[in-house]
Structures are given as structure tokens and as C-alpha cells.
Amino acid sequence: MADSTPVVRRWDNPTIPDEQMLRELMAKEGLQSYRWSNYPGDTYLTHAHPYFKVLYVVRGSITFELANGESLELKAGDRLDLPTGISHGAKVGITGVVCLEAKR
């Protein structure tokens, strides 16, 4: 994985993980997660973070739009590793979204 390339890791188990399971996965990596959520259709304008972001979708869906035009749709259990400084926006799916996020 290049340090400047966003990576999506799809949840490949037929059983969707619950929030506690995802918190435990993050804790095993030494990540301190926090929870956030948004309503259906909410959007985030293009921005970047001064830290490496690790995000898991707990419920619902969200699509990240990268500056290069790439769209990354995440659903329950999917993980996004977003390197420092990557410009992105986002749009929440039709059922809203609940995520766990941590800085690495």
C-alpha cells in the first residue's frame, strides 16, 4: 500500500459486524475510535485532514469522492484508510450512516 493512496477494505464475512466488534478490531491496532453519524443525503464538502484517518462503517453507507474523480462507496463493515492530506468530500447514503473513526 502506498502511503498516499486511499485503501478500501471490504467486509467479506456474510455476518455484518456490530459496533463492538469493529471497536475491538480498531483497539487491536492501538486505535482509539469515536462514533459519528449522519442523516440520509448529508454531504461533506471537499476537505483534507492533517492526520491519517481510519474509518469503519457500522451501519448504512457513505460515498467518498476523491479529488481525482474516484468514488469509494462504503457499506456496513467496510473500512477506509485515508492518508494524511488527501482531498475528499462525501455523501451519505439513503439510510444514513454510522461510522467509527480514528486517527493513526
PDB file of N, CA and C in Angstrom:
ATOM      1  N   MET A   1       0.852  -1.182   0.000  1.00  0.00           N
ATOM      2  CA  MET A   1       0.000   0.000   0.000  1.00  0.00           C
ATOM      3  C   MET A   1       0.888   1.232   0.000  1.00  0.00           C
ATOM      4  N   ALA A   2       0.716   2.090  -0.963  1.00  0.00           N
ATOM      5  CA  ALA A   2       1.447   3.348  -0.991  1.00  0.00           C
ATOM      6  C   ALA A   2       0.903   4.238   0.123  1.00  0.00           C
ATOM      7  N   ASP A   3       1.795   4.989   0.750  1.00  0.00           N
ATOM      8  CA  ASP A   3       1.388   5.790   1.891  1.00  0.00           C
ATOM      9  C   ASP A   3       0.466   6.937   1.508  1.00  0.00           C
ATOM     10  N   SER A   4       0.332   7.242   0.226  1.00  0.00           N
ATOM     11  CA  SER A   4      -0.524   8.353  -0.197  1.00  0.00           C
ATOM     12  C   SER A   4      -1.748   7.876  -0.978  1.00  0.00           C
ATOM     13  N   THR A   5      -2.047   6.595  -0.919  1.00  0.00           N
ATOM     14  CA  THR A   5      -3.167   6.040  -1.663  1.00  0.00           C
ATOM     15  C   THR A   5      -4.264   5.570  -0.708  1.00  0.00           C
ATOM     16  N   PRO A   6      -5.493   6.092  -0.857  1.00  0.00           N
ATOM     17  CA  PRO A   6      -6.587   5.584  -0.031  1.00  0.00           C
ATOM     18  C   PRO A   6      -6.845   4.107  -0.333  1.00  0.00           C
ATOM     19  N   VAL A   7      -7.178   3.362   0.690  1.00  0.00           N
ATOM     20  CA  VAL A   7      -7.441   1.933   0.534  1.00  0.00           C
ATOM     21  C   VAL A   7      -8.776   1.596   1.182  1.00  0.00           C
ATOM     22  N   VAL A   8      -9.630   0.893   0.427  1.00  0.00           N
ATOM     23  CA  VAL A   8     -10.889   0.387   0.965  1.00  0.00           C
ATOM     24  C   VAL A   8     -10.730  -1.111   1.184  1.00  0.00           C
ATOM     25  N   ARG A   9     -11.067  -1.549   2.367  1.00  0.00           N
ATOM     26  CA  ARG A   9     -11.062  -2.978   2.694  1.00  0.00           C
ATOM     27  C   ARG A   9     -12.513  -3.393   2.883  1.00  0.00           C
ATOM     28  N   ARG A  10     -12.997  -4.214   1.974  1.00  0.00           N
ATOM     29  CA  ARG A  10     -14.393  -4.658   2.016  1.00  0.00           C
ATOM     30  C   ARG A  10     -14.585  -5.728   3.086  1.00  0.00           C
ATOM     31  N   TRP A  11     -15.711  -5.654   3.787  1.00  0.00           N
ATOM     32  CA  TRP A  11     -16.066  -6.680   4.761  1.00  0.00           C
ATOM     33  C   TRP A  11     -16.511  -7.893   3.974  1.00  0.00           C
ATOM     34  N   ASP A  12     -15.796  -9.001   4.090  1.00  0.00           N
ATOM     35  CA  ASP A  12     -16.087 -10.165   3.245  1.00  0.00           C
ATOM     36  C   ASP A  12     -16.740 -11.323   3.996  1.00  0.00           C
ATOM     37  N   ASN A  13     -17.153 -11.087   5.227  1.00  0.00           N
ATOM     38  CA  ASN A  13     -17.845 -12.099   6.006  1.00  0.00           C
ATOM     39  C   ASN A  13     -19.352 -11.902   5.815  1.00  0.00           C
ATOM     40  N   PRO A  14     -20.129 -12.978   5.630  1.00  0.00           N
ATOM     41  CA  PRO A  14     -21.580 -12.808   5.436  1.00  0.00           C
ATOM     42  C   PRO A  14     -22.291 -12.206   6.646  1.00  0.00           C
ATOM     43  N   THR A  15     -21.688 -12.312   7.839  1.00  0.00           N
ATOM     44  CA  THR A  15     -22.280 -11.714   9.030  1.00  0.00           C
ATOM     45  C   THR A  15     -21.749 -10.294   9.184  1.00  0.00           C
ATOM     46  N   ILE A  16     -22.655  -9.312   9.154  1.00  0.00           N
ATOM     47  CA  ILE A  16     -22.256  -7.915   9.302  1.00  0.00           C
ATOM     48  C   ILE A  16     -21.796  -7.687  10.743  1.00  0.00           C
ATOM     49  N   PRO A  17     -20.659  -7.032  10.932  1.00  0.00           N
ATOM     50  CA  PRO A  17     -20.146  -6.822  12.286  1.00  0.00           C
ATOM     51  C   PRO A  17     -20.976  -5.794  13.050  1.00  0.00           C
ATOM     52  N   ASP A  18     -20.996  -5.929  14.367  1.00  0.00           N
ATOM     53  CA  ASP A  18     -21.647  -4.903  15.175  1.00  0.00           C
ATOM     54  C   ASP A  18     -20.598  -3.879  15.613  1.00  0.00           C
ATOM     55  N   GLU A  19     -21.060  -2.825  16.240  1.00  0.00           N
ATOM     56  CA  GLU A  19     -20.162  -1.738  16.621  1.00  0.00           C
ATOM     57  C   GLU A  19     -19.068  -2.209  17.572  1.00  0.00           C
ATOM     58  N   GLN A  20     -19.414  -3.061  18.525  1.00  0.00           N
ATOM     59  CA  GLN A  20     -18.424  -3.545  19.491  1.00  0.00           C
ATOM     60  C   GLN A  20     -17.305  -4.327  18.797  1.00  0.00           C
ATOM     61  N   MET A  21     -17.666  -5.152  17.837  1.00  0.00           N
ATOM     62  CA  MET A  21     -16.664  -5.928  17.101  1.00  0.00           C
ATOM     63  C   MET A  21     -15.693  -5.000  16.367  1.00  0.00           C
ATOM     64  N   LEU A  22     -16.233  -3.967  15.728  1.00  0.00           N
ATOM     65  CA  LEU A  22     -15.379  -3.028  14.994  1.00  0.00           C
ATOM     66  C   LEU A  22     -14.494  -2.237  15.953  1.00  0.00           C
ATOM     67  N   ARG A  23     -15.044  -1.846  17.110  1.00  0.00           N
ATOM     68  CA  ARG A  23     -14.227  -1.153  18.118  1.00  0.00           C
ATOM     69  C   ARG A  23     -13.055  -2.027  18.568  1.00  0.00           C
ATOM     70  N   GLU A  24     -13.333  -3.322  18.742  1.00  0.00           N
ATOM     71  CA  GLU A  24     -12.280  -4.243  19.165  1.00  0.00           C
ATOM     72  C   GLU A  24     -11.207  -4.408  18.084  1.00  0.00           C
ATOM     73  N   LEU A  25     -11.627  -4.472  16.819  1.00  0.00           N
ATOM     74  CA  LEU A  25     -10.650  -4.555  15.730  1.00  0.00           C
ATOM     75  C   LEU A  25      -9.739  -3.339  15.725  1.00  0.00           C
ATOM     76  N   MET A  26     -10.335  -2.173  15.923  1.00  0.00           N
ATOM     77  CA  MET A  26      -9.548  -0.945  15.928  1.00  0.00           C
ATOM     78  C   MET A  26      -8.616  -0.902  17.142  1.00  0.00           C
ATOM     79  N   ALA A  27      -9.124  -1.313  18.290  1.00  0.00           N
ATOM     80  CA  ALA A  27      -8.312  -1.303  19.514  1.00  0.00           C
ATOM     81  C   ALA A  27      -7.100  -2.226  19.382  1.00  0.00           C
ATOM     82  N   LYS A  28      -7.263  -3.355  18.675  1.00  0.00           N
ATOM     83  CA  LYS A  28      -6.138  -4.269  18.475  1.00  0.00           C
ATOM     84  C   LYS A  28      -5.005  -3.611  17.702  1.00  0.00           C
ATOM     85  N   GLU A  29      -5.343  -2.575  16.922  1.00  0.00           N
ATOM     86  CA  GLU A  29      -4.329  -1.816  16.175  1.00  0.00           C
ATOM     87  C   GLU A  29      -3.832  -0.607  16.970  1.00  0.00           C
ATOM     88  N   GLY A  30      -4.322  -0.472  18.195  1.00  0.00           N
ATOM     89  CA  GLY A  30      -3.928   0.670  19.007  1.00  0.00           C
ATOM     90  C   GLY A  30      -4.681   1.939  18.653  1.00  0.00           C
ATOM     91  N   LEU A  31      -5.802   1.810  17.966  1.00  0.00           N
ATOM     92  CA  LEU A  31      -6.589   2.967  17.542  1.00  0.00           C
ATOM     93  C   LEU A  31      -7.686   3.266  18.562  1.00  0.00           C
ATOM     94  N   GLN A  32      -7.838   4.524  18.906  1.00  0.00           N
ATOM     95  CA  GLN A  32      -8.910   4.966  19.796  1.00  0.00           C
ATOM     96  C   GLN A  32     -10.012   5.552  18.926  1.00  0.00           C
ATOM     97  N   SER A  33     -11.087   4.809  18.796  1.00  0.00           N
ATOM     98  CA  SER A  33     -12.145   5.224  17.877  1.00  0.00           C
ATOM     99  C   SER A  33     -13.177   6.115  18.551  1.00  0.00           C
ATOM    100  N   TYR A  34     -13.837   6.901  17.728  1.00  0.00           N
ATOM    101  CA  TYR A  34     -15.008   7.653  18.161  1.00  0.00           C
ATOM    102  C   TYR A  34     -16.102   7.441  17.128  1.00  0.00           C
ATOM    103  N   ARG A  35     -17.327   7.592  17.555  1.00  0.00           N
ATOM    104  CA  ARG A  35     -18.505   7.303  16.739  1.00  0.00           C
ATOM    105  C   ARG A  35     -19.104   8.609  16.230  1.00  0.00           C
ATOM    106  N   TRP A  36     -19.543   8.586  14.982  1.00  0.00           N
ATOM    107  CA  TRP A  36     -20.312   9.702  14.440  1.00  0.00           C
ATOM    108  C   TRP A  36     -21.359   9.158  13.481  1.00  0.00           C
ATOM    109  N   SER A  37     -22.352   9.966  13.213  1.00  0.00           N
ATOM    110  CA  SER A  37     -23.436   9.544  12.316  1.00  0.00           C
ATOM    111  C   SER A  37     -23.992  10.743  11.575  1.00  0.00           C
ATOM    112  N   ASN A  38     -24.654  10.457  10.468  1.00  0.00           N
ATOM    113  CA  ASN A  38     -25.293  11.491   9.660  1.00  0.00           C
ATOM    114  C   ASN A  38     -26.602  10.973   9.093  1.00  0.00           C
ATOM    115  N   TYR A  39     -27.445  11.924   8.749  1.00  0.00           N
ATOM    116  CA  TYR A  39     -28.746  11.620   8.143  1.00  0.00           C
ATOM    117  C   TYR A  39     -28.601  11.303   6.657  1.00  0.00           C
ATOM    118  N   PRO A  40     -29.599  10.633   6.090  1.00  0.00           N
ATOM    119  CA  PRO A  40     -29.591  10.332   4.649  1.00  0.00           C
ATOM    120  C   PRO A  40     -29.364  11.598   3.815  1.00  0.00           C
ATOM    121  N   GLY A  41     -28.478  11.479   2.841  1.00  0.00           N
ATOM    122  CA  GLY A  41     -28.234  12.574   1.902  1.00  0.00           C
ATOM    123  C   GLY A  41     -27.326  13.677   2.396  1.00  0.00           C
ATOM    124  N   ASP A  42     -26.905  13.643   3.669  1.00  0.00           N
ATOM    125  CA  ASP A  42     -25.982  14.665   4.162  1.00  0.00           C
ATOM    126  C   ASP A  42     -24.706  14.630   3.327  1.00  0.00           C
ATOM    127  N   THR A  43     -24.073  15.783   3.179  1.00  0.00           N
ATOM    128  CA  THR A  43     -22.842  15.855   2.389  1.00  0.00           C
ATOM    129  C   THR A  43     -21.746  16.586   3.161  1.00  0.00           C
ATOM    130  N   TYR A  44     -20.516  16.258   2.807  1.00  0.00           N
ATOM    131  CA  TYR A  44     -19.329  16.956   3.291  1.00  0.00           C
ATOM    132  C   TYR A  44     -18.638  17.548   2.075  1.00  0.00           C
ATOM    133  N   LEU A  45     -18.358  18.831   2.123  1.00  0.00           N
ATOM    134  CA  LEU A  45     -17.633  19.470   1.031  1.00  0.00           C
ATOM    135  C   LEU A  45     -16.190  18.977   1.021  1.00  0.00           C
ATOM    136  N   THR A  46     -15.522  19.200  -0.092  1.00  0.00           N
ATOM    137  CA  THR A  46     -14.138  18.760  -0.242  1.00  0.00           C
ATOM    138  C   THR A  46     -13.261  19.386   0.837  1.00  0.00           C
ATOM    139  N   HIS A  47     -12.481  18.527   1.492  1.00  0.00           N
ATOM    140  CA  HIS A  47     -11.575  18.949   2.545  1.00  0.00           C
ATOM    141  C   HIS A  47     -10.485  17.887   2.692  1.00  0.00           C
ATOM    142  N   ALA A  48      -9.512  18.151   3.532  1.00  0.00           N
ATOM    143  CA  ALA A  48      -8.443  17.194   3.826  1.00  0.00           C
ATOM    144  C   ALA A  48      -8.165  17.240   5.321  1.00  0.00           C
ATOM    145  N   HIS A  49      -7.596  16.161   5.847  1.00  0.00           N
ATOM    146  CA  HIS A  49      -7.266  16.077   7.266  1.00  0.00           C
ATOM    147  C   HIS A  49      -5.749  16.093   7.463  1.00  0.00           C
ATOM    148  N   PRO A  50      -5.290  16.687   8.567  1.00  0.00           N
ATOM    149  CA  PRO A  50      -3.850  16.700   8.852  1.00  0.00           C
ATOM    150  C   PRO A  50      -3.395  15.432   9.577  1.00  0.00           C
ATOM    151  N   TYR A  51      -4.147  14.352   9.402  1.00  0.00           N
ATOM    152  CA  TYR A  51      -3.828  13.079  10.035  1.00  0.00           C
ATOM    153  C   TYR A  51      -4.290  11.937   9.138  1.00  0.00           C
ATOM    154  N   PHE A  52      -3.765  10.751   9.386  1.00  0.00           N
ATOM    155  CA  PHE A  52      -4.163   9.537   8.674  1.00  0.00           C
ATOM    156  C   PHE A  52      -5.455   9.049   9.323  1.00  0.00           C
ATOM    157  N   LYS A  53      -6.507   8.941   8.526  1.00  0.00           N
ATOM    158  CA  LYS A  53      -7.841   8.598   9.028  1.00  0.00           C
ATOM    159  C   LYS A  53      -8.145   7.127   8.752  1.00  0.00           C
ATOM    160  N   VAL A  54      -8.636   6.430   9.782  1.00  0.00           N
ATOM    161  CA  VAL A  54      -9.114   5.056   9.639  1.00  0.00           C
ATOM    162  C   VAL A  54     -10.594   5.080   9.998  1.00  0.00           C
ATOM    163  N   LEU A  55     -11.433   4.574   9.104  1.00  0.00           N
ATOM    164  CA  LEU A  55     -12.877   4.654   9.283  1.00  0.00           C
ATOM    165  C   LEU A  55     -13.526   3.314   8.972  1.00  0.00           C
ATOM    166  N   TYR A  56     -14.436   2.894   9.817  1.00  0.00           N
ATOM    167  CA  TYR A  56     -15.290   1.735   9.555  1.00  0.00           C
ATOM    168  C   TYR A  56     -16.734   2.206   9.508  1.00  0.00           C
ATOM    169  N   VAL A  57     -17.510   1.662   8.569  1.00  0.00           N
ATOM    170  CA  VAL A  57     -18.950   1.912   8.543  1.00  0.00           C
ATOM    171  C   VAL A  57     -19.612   0.856   9.419  1.00  0.00           C
ATOM    172  N   VAL A  58     -20.382   1.303  10.395  1.00  0.00           N
ATOM    173  CA  VAL A  58     -21.108   0.410  11.293  1.00  0.00           C
ATOM    174  C   VAL A  58     -22.462   0.051  10.685  1.00  0.00           C
ATOM    175  N   ARG A  59     -23.163   1.072  10.207  1.00  0.00           N
ATOM    176  CA  ARG A  59     -24.478   0.888   9.573  1.00  0.00           C
ATOM    177  C   ARG A  59     -24.644   1.901   8.456  1.00  0.00           C
ATOM    178  N   GLY A  60     -25.464   1.527   7.467  1.00  0.00           N
ATOM    179  CA  GLY A  60     -25.758   2.446   6.373  1.00  0.00           C
ATOM    180  C   GLY A  60     -24.661   2.454   5.330  1.00  0.00           C
ATOM    181  N   SER A  61     -24.513   3.604   4.666  1.00  0.00           N
ATOM    182  CA  SER A  61     -23.493   3.723   3.622  1.00  0.00           C
ATOM    183  C   SER A  61     -23.068   5.177   3.461  1.00  0.00           C
ATOM    184  N   ILE A  62     -21.884   5.350   2.886  1.00  0.00           N
ATOM    185  CA  ILE A  62     -21.343   6.669   2.595  1.00  0.00           C
ATOM    186  C   ILE A  62     -20.414   6.525   1.392  1.00  0.00           C
ATOM    187  N   THR A  63     -20.433   7.510   0.515  1.00  0.00           N
ATOM    188  CA  THR A  63     -19.560   7.510  -0.656  1.00  0.00           C
ATOM    189  C   THR A  63     -18.581   8.662  -0.533  1.00  0.00           C
ATOM    190  N   PHE A  64     -17.302   8.339  -0.564  1.00  0.00           N
ATOM    191  CA  PHE A  64     -16.248   9.345  -0.543  1.00  0.00           C
ATOM    192  C   PHE A  64     -15.873   9.676  -1.977  1.00  0.00           C
ATOM    193  N   GLU A  65     -15.783  10.951  -2.285  1.00  0.00           N
ATOM    194  CA  GLU A  65     -15.396  11.443  -3.605  1.00  0.00           C
ATOM    195  C   GLU A  65     -13.997  12.036  -3.494  1.00  0.00           C
ATOM    196  N   LEU A  66     -13.051  11.448  -4.213  1.00  0.00           N
ATOM    197  CA  LEU A  66     -11.673  11.924  -4.170  1.00  0.00           C
ATOM    198  C   LEU A  66     -11.438  12.993  -5.230  1.00  0.00           C
ATOM    199  N   ALA A  67     -10.412  13.790  -5.029  1.00  0.00           N
ATOM    200  CA  ALA A  67     -10.099  14.885  -5.955  1.00  0.00           C
ATOM    201  C   ALA A  67      -9.802  14.381  -7.360  1.00  0.00           C
ATOM    202  N   ASN A  68      -9.346  13.125  -7.492  1.00  0.00           N
ATOM    203  CA  ASN A  68      -9.036  12.579  -8.820  1.00  0.00           C
ATOM    204  C   ASN A  68     -10.284  12.051  -9.537  1.00  0.00           C
ATOM    205  N   GLY A  69     -11.470  12.239  -8.929  1.00  0.00           N
ATOM    206  CA  GLY A  69     -12.722  11.800  -9.550  1.00  0.00           C
ATOM    207  C   GLY A  69     -13.168  10.413  -9.123  1.00  0.00           C
ATOM    208  N   GLU A  70     -12.347   9.708  -8.377  1.00  0.00           N
ATOM    209  CA  GLU A  70     -12.696   8.358  -7.931  1.00  0.00           C
ATOM    210  C   GLU A  70     -13.753   8.419  -6.826  1.00  0.00           C
ATOM    211  N   SER A  71     -14.727   7.501  -6.889  1.00  0.00           N
ATOM    212  CA  SER A  71     -15.749   7.366  -5.856  1.00  0.00           C
ATOM    213  C   SER A  71     -15.515   6.073  -5.093  1.00  0.00           C
ATOM    214  N   LEU A  72     -15.584   6.156  -3.769  1.00  0.00           N
ATOM    215  CA  LEU A  72     -15.385   4.994  -2.913  1.00  0.00           C
ATOM    216  C   LEU A  72     -16.635   4.820  -2.054  1.00  0.00           C
ATOM    217  N   GLU A  73     -17.498   3.870  -2.426  1.00  0.00           N
ATOM    218  CA  GLU A  73     -18.715   3.633  -1.647  1.00  0.00           C
ATOM    219  C   GLU A  73     -18.426   2.594  -0.574  1.00  0.00           C
ATOM    220  N   LEU A  74     -18.765   2.926   0.655  1.00  0.00           N
ATOM    221  CA  LEU A  74     -18.564   2.028   1.787  1.00  0.00           C
ATOM    222  C   LEU A  74     -19.910   1.677   2.397  1.00  0.00           C
ATOM    223  N   LYS A  75     -20.040   0.396   2.739  1.00  0.00           N
ATOM    224  CA  LYS A  75     -21.237  -0.123   3.399  1.00  0.00           C
ATOM    225  C   LYS A  75     -20.822  -0.757   4.718  1.00  0.00           C
ATOM    226  N   ALA A  76     -21.794  -1.253   5.465  1.00  0.00           N
ATOM    227  CA  ALA A  76     -21.537  -1.807   6.793  1.00  0.00           C
ATOM    228  C   ALA A  76     -20.375  -2.803   6.781  1.00  0.00           C
ATOM    229  N   GLY A  77     -19.415  -2.568   7.664  1.00  0.00           N
ATOM    230  CA  GLY A  77     -18.246  -3.425   7.800  1.00  0.00           C
ATOM    231  C   GLY A  77     -17.053  -2.973   6.988  1.00  0.00           C
ATOM    232  N   ASP A  78     -17.264  -2.159   5.962  1.00  0.00           N
ATOM    233  CA  ASP A  78     -16.153  -1.709   5.116  1.00  0.00           C
ATOM    234  C   ASP A  78     -15.277  -0.711   5.869  1.00  0.00           C
ATOM    235  N   ARG A  79     -13.997  -0.722   5.498  1.00  0.00           N
ATOM    236  CA  ARG A  79     -13.001   0.139   6.134  1.00  0.00           C
ATOM    237  C   ARG A  79     -12.347   1.023   5.079  1.00  0.00           C
ATOM    238  N   LEU A  80     -12.081   2.261   5.454  1.00  0.00           N
ATOM    239  CA  LEU A  80     -11.323   3.190   4.614  1.00  0.00           C
ATOM    240  C   LEU A  80     -10.088   3.627   5.377  1.00  0.00           C
ATOM    241  N   ASP A  81      -8.932   3.465   4.746  1.00  0.00           N
ATOM    242  CA  ASP A  81      -7.681   4.031   5.245  1.00  0.00           C
ATOM    243  C   ASP A  81      -7.381   5.219   4.352  1.00  0.00           C
ATOM    244  N   LEU A  82      -7.439   6.414   4.925  1.00  0.00           N
ATOM    245  CA  LEU A  82      -7.283   7.645   4.146  1.00  0.00           C
ATOM    246  C   LEU A  82      -6.043   8.392   4.628  1.00  0.00           C
ATOM    247  N   PRO A  83      -4.979   8.388   3.823  1.00  0.00           N
ATOM    248  CA  PRO A  83      -3.733   9.049   4.229  1.00  0.00           C
ATOM    249  C   PRO A  83      -3.895  10.552   4.467  1.00  0.00           C
ATOM    250  N   THR A  84      -2.987  11.072   5.240  1.00  0.00           N
ATOM    251  CA  THR A  84      -2.920  12.496   5.551  1.00  0.00           C
ATOM    252  C   THR A  84      -2.961  13.347   4.278  1.00  0.00           C
ATOM    253  N   GLY A  85      -3.780  14.400   4.311  1.00  0.00           N
ATOM    254  CA  GLY A  85      -3.775  15.390   3.243  1.00  0.00           C
ATOM    255  C   GLY A  85      -4.532  15.041   1.980  1.00  0.00           C
ATOM    256  N   ILE A  86      -5.193  13.896   1.913  1.00  0.00           N
ATOM    257  CA  ILE A  86      -5.942  13.516   0.704  1.00  0.00           C
ATOM    258  C   ILE A  86      -7.259  14.295   0.661  1.00  0.00           C
ATOM    259  N   SER A  87      -7.455  15.095  -0.372  1.00  0.00           N
ATOM    260  CA  SER A  87      -8.699  15.850  -0.526  1.00  0.00           C
ATOM    261  C   SER A  87      -9.849  14.913  -0.850  1.00  0.00           C
ATOM    262  N   HIS A  88     -10.957  15.118  -0.157  1.00  0.00           N
ATOM    263  CA  HIS A  88     -12.124  14.269  -0.360  1.00  0.00           C
ATOM    264  C   HIS A  88     -13.386  15.000   0.123  1.00  0.00           C
ATOM    265  N   GLY A  89     -14.504  14.608  -0.437  1.00  0.00           N
ATOM    266  CA  GLY A  89     -15.811  15.007   0.038  1.00  0.00           C
ATOM    267  C   GLY A  89     -16.575  13.722   0.285  1.00  0.00           C
ATOM    268  N   ALA A  90     -17.804  13.833   0.746  1.00  0.00           N
ATOM    269  CA  ALA A  90     -18.568  12.613   0.998  1.00  0.00           C
ATOM    270  C   ALA A  90     -20.060  12.897   0.922  1.00  0.00           C
ATOM    271  N   LYS A  91     -20.801  11.841   0.554  1.00  0.00           N
ATOM    272  CA  LYS A  91     -22.264  11.918   0.562  1.00  0.00           C
ATOM    273  C   LYS A  91     -22.793  10.668   1.251  1.00  0.00           C
ATOM    274  N   VAL A  92     -23.687  10.889   2.204  1.00  0.00           N
ATOM    275  CA  VAL A  92     -24.279   9.802   2.972  1.00  0.00           C
ATOM    276  C   VAL A  92     -25.381   9.142   2.147  1.00  0.00           C
ATOM    277  N   GLY A  93     -25.483   7.826   2.271  1.00  0.00           N
ATOM    278  CA  GLY A  93     -26.472   7.044   1.534  1.00  0.00           C
ATOM    279  C   GLY A  93     -27.899   7.261   2.019  1.00  0.00           C
ATOM    280  N   ILE A  94     -28.833   6.556   1.379  1.00  0.00           N
ATOM    281  CA  ILE A  94     -30.270   6.790   1.596  1.00  0.00           C
ATOM    282  C   ILE A  94     -30.794   6.338   2.957  1.00  0.00           C
ATOM    283  N   THR A  95     -30.018   5.548   3.694  1.00  0.00           N
ATOM    284  CA  THR A  95     -30.460   5.131   5.031  1.00  0.00           C
ATOM    285  C   THR A  95     -29.652   5.796   6.138  1.00  0.00           C
ATOM    286  N   GLY A  96     -28.823   6.780   5.795  1.00  0.00           N
ATOM    287  CA  GLY A  96     -27.959   7.404   6.782  1.00  0.00           C
ATOM    288  C   GLY A  96     -26.701   6.574   6.977  1.00  0.00           C
ATOM    289  N   VAL A  97     -25.875   6.983   7.928  1.00  0.00           N
ATOM    290  CA  VAL A  97     -24.635   6.254   8.188  1.00  0.00           C
ATOM    291  C   VAL A  97     -24.225   6.422   9.648  1.00  0.00           C
ATOM    292  N   VAL A  98     -23.634   5.372  10.180  1.00  0.00           N
ATOM    293  CA  VAL A  98     -22.978   5.399  11.487  1.00  0.00           C
ATOM    294  C   VAL A  98     -21.569   4.887  11.243  1.00  0.00           C
ATOM    295  N   CYS A  99     -20.572   5.627  11.709  1.00  0.00           N
ATOM    296  CA  CYS A  99     -19.174   5.253  11.484  1.00  0.00           C
ATOM    297  C   CYS A  99     -18.379   5.287  12.784  1.00  0.00           C
ATOM    298  N   LEU A 100     -17.301   4.536  12.780  1.00  0.00           N
ATOM    299  CA  LEU A 100     -16.263   4.637  13.795  1.00  0.00           C
ATOM    300  C   LEU A 100     -15.032   5.185  13.094  1.00  0.00           C
ATOM    301  N   GLU A 101     -14.382   6.144  13.705  1.00  0.00           N
ATOM    302  CA  GLU A 101     -13.223   6.772  13.088  1.00  0.00           C
ATOM    303  C   GLU A 101     -12.114   6.896  14.115  1.00  0.00           C
ATOM    304  N   ALA A 102     -10.887   6.835  13.620  1.00  0.00           N
ATOM    305  CA  ALA A 102      -9.721   7.034  14.491  1.00  0.00           C
ATOM    306  C   ALA A 102      -8.610   7.683  13.688  1.00  0.00           C
ATOM    307  N   LYS A 103      -7.711   8.335  14.407  1.00  0.00           N
ATOM    308  CA  LYS A 103      -6.507   8.914  13.805  1.00  0.00           C
ATOM    309  C   LYS A 103      -5.375   7.937  14.018  1.00  0.00           C
ATOM    310  N   ARG A 104      -4.599   7.739  12.969  1.00  0.00           N
ATOM    311  CA  ARG A 104      -3.423   6.870  13.095  1.00  0.00           C
ATOM    312  C   ARG A 104      -2.172   7.688  12.866  1.00  0.00           C
TER     313      ARG A 104
END
